[in-house]
Amino acid sequence: MSDIVIDARGLKCPLPVLKLEKALAGVGAGNTIAVLATDPVARIDIALYCRQQGHGLAMREEDAATRYEVTKARAGE
């Protein structure tokens, strides 16, 4: 379960990724942030961002949106 939930429903990319990036900057490694997004491009953009930065990612459909659970990578991983 995430302590921080970003409601990016209705926002077009890259806004969901930018909001996620800002939130990740404020938490320590191992913390998880959830993003709720409806833009289908977010599925590609968030996955790519997480892969490039080394963050963990789990996705599931939730109430007409996709929920992205992003776990911040440890430094050097």
Protein backbone atom coordinates (compact mmCIF):
# COMPACT_ATOMS: atom_id res chain seq x y z
CA MET A 1 0.00 0.00 0.00
CA SER A 2 1.22 3.49 -0.81
CA ASP A 3 1.43 6.38 1.59
CA ILE A 4 1.34 8.84 -1.31
CA VAL A 5 -1.32 8.66 -4.02
CA ILE A 6 -1.13 10.97 -7.03
CA ASP A 7 -4.47 11.49 -8.74
CA ALA A 8 -3.52 12.17 -12.35
CA ARG A 9 -6.86 11.05 -13.81
CA GLY A 10 -7.79 13.26 -16.73
CA LEU A 11 -4.25 14.58 -17.18
CA LYS A 12 -2.38 13.96 -20.42
CA CYS A 13 1.22 12.79 -20.52
CA PRO A 14 3.77 13.86 -19.61
CA LEU A 15 1.98 15.36 -16.57
CA PRO A 16 1.49 12.04 -14.70
CA VAL A 17 5.21 11.24 -15.09
CA LEU A 18 6.24 14.75 -14.02
CA LYS A 19 4.05 14.54 -10.90
CA LEU A 20 5.53 11.11 -10.13
CA GLU A 21 9.08 12.36 -10.59
CA LYS A 22 8.47 15.27 -8.21
CA ALA A 23 6.93 13.01 -5.57
CA LEU A 24 9.79 10.48 -5.82
CA ALA A 25 12.29 13.27 -5.17
CA GLY A 26 10.68 13.77 -1.77
CA VAL A 27 10.81 10.17 -0.50
CA GLY A 28 13.52 7.74 0.43
CA ALA A 29 14.55 4.57 -1.36
CA GLY A 30 12.15 1.68 -0.92
CA ASN A 31 9.07 3.90 -0.52
CA THR A 32 6.12 3.34 -2.83
CA ILE A 33 4.03 5.99 -4.57
CA ALA A 34 0.77 5.22 -6.37
CA VAL A 35 -0.31 7.09 -9.49
CA LEU A 36 -3.88 6.91 -10.80
CA ALA A 37 -4.00 7.81 -14.49
CA THR A 38 -6.50 7.52 -17.33
CA ASP A 39 -4.28 8.57 -20.25
CA PRO A 40 -3.37 5.38 -22.17
CA VAL A 41 0.04 6.88 -22.99
CA ALA A 42 0.85 6.87 -19.26
CA ARG A 43 1.18 3.08 -19.47
CA ILE A 44 4.14 3.55 -21.82
CA ASP A 45 5.61 6.71 -20.27
CA ILE A 46 5.53 5.59 -16.63
CA ALA A 47 6.92 2.14 -17.48
CA LEU A 48 9.74 3.70 -19.51
CA TYR A 49 10.56 6.23 -16.77
CA CYS A 50 10.68 3.49 -14.13
CA ARG A 51 12.87 1.25 -16.30
CA GLN A 52 15.30 4.11 -17.02
CA GLN A 53 15.52 5.13 -13.36
CA GLY A 54 15.55 1.59 -11.92
CA HIS A 55 12.31 1.98 -9.94
CA GLY A 56 10.02 -0.98 -9.34
CA LEU A 57 6.61 -0.91 -11.03
CA ALA A 58 3.34 -2.80 -10.63
CA MET A 59 0.19 -1.89 -12.58
CA ARG A 60 -3.46 -2.82 -12.27
CA GLU A 61 -6.77 -1.51 -13.55
CA GLU A 62 -8.81 0.29 -10.90
CA ASP A 63 -12.12 2.18 -11.30
CA ALA A 64 -11.72 3.19 -14.99
CA ALA A 65 -8.09 4.16 -14.37
CA THR A 66 -4.76 2.40 -14.16
CA ARG A 67 -3.02 2.31 -10.79
CA TYR A 68 0.77 2.40 -11.00
CA GLU A 69 2.61 1.38 -7.82
CA VAL A 70 6.15 2.76 -8.11
CA THR A 71 8.80 1.72 -5.59
CA LYS A 72 11.77 4.07 -5.47
CA ALA A 73 15.10 2.44 -6.29
CA ARG A 74 17.97 2.44 -3.87
CA ALA A 75 20.96 4.59 -4.85
CA GLY A 76 23.21 2.79 -7.28
CA GLU A 77 20.63 0.17 -8.29
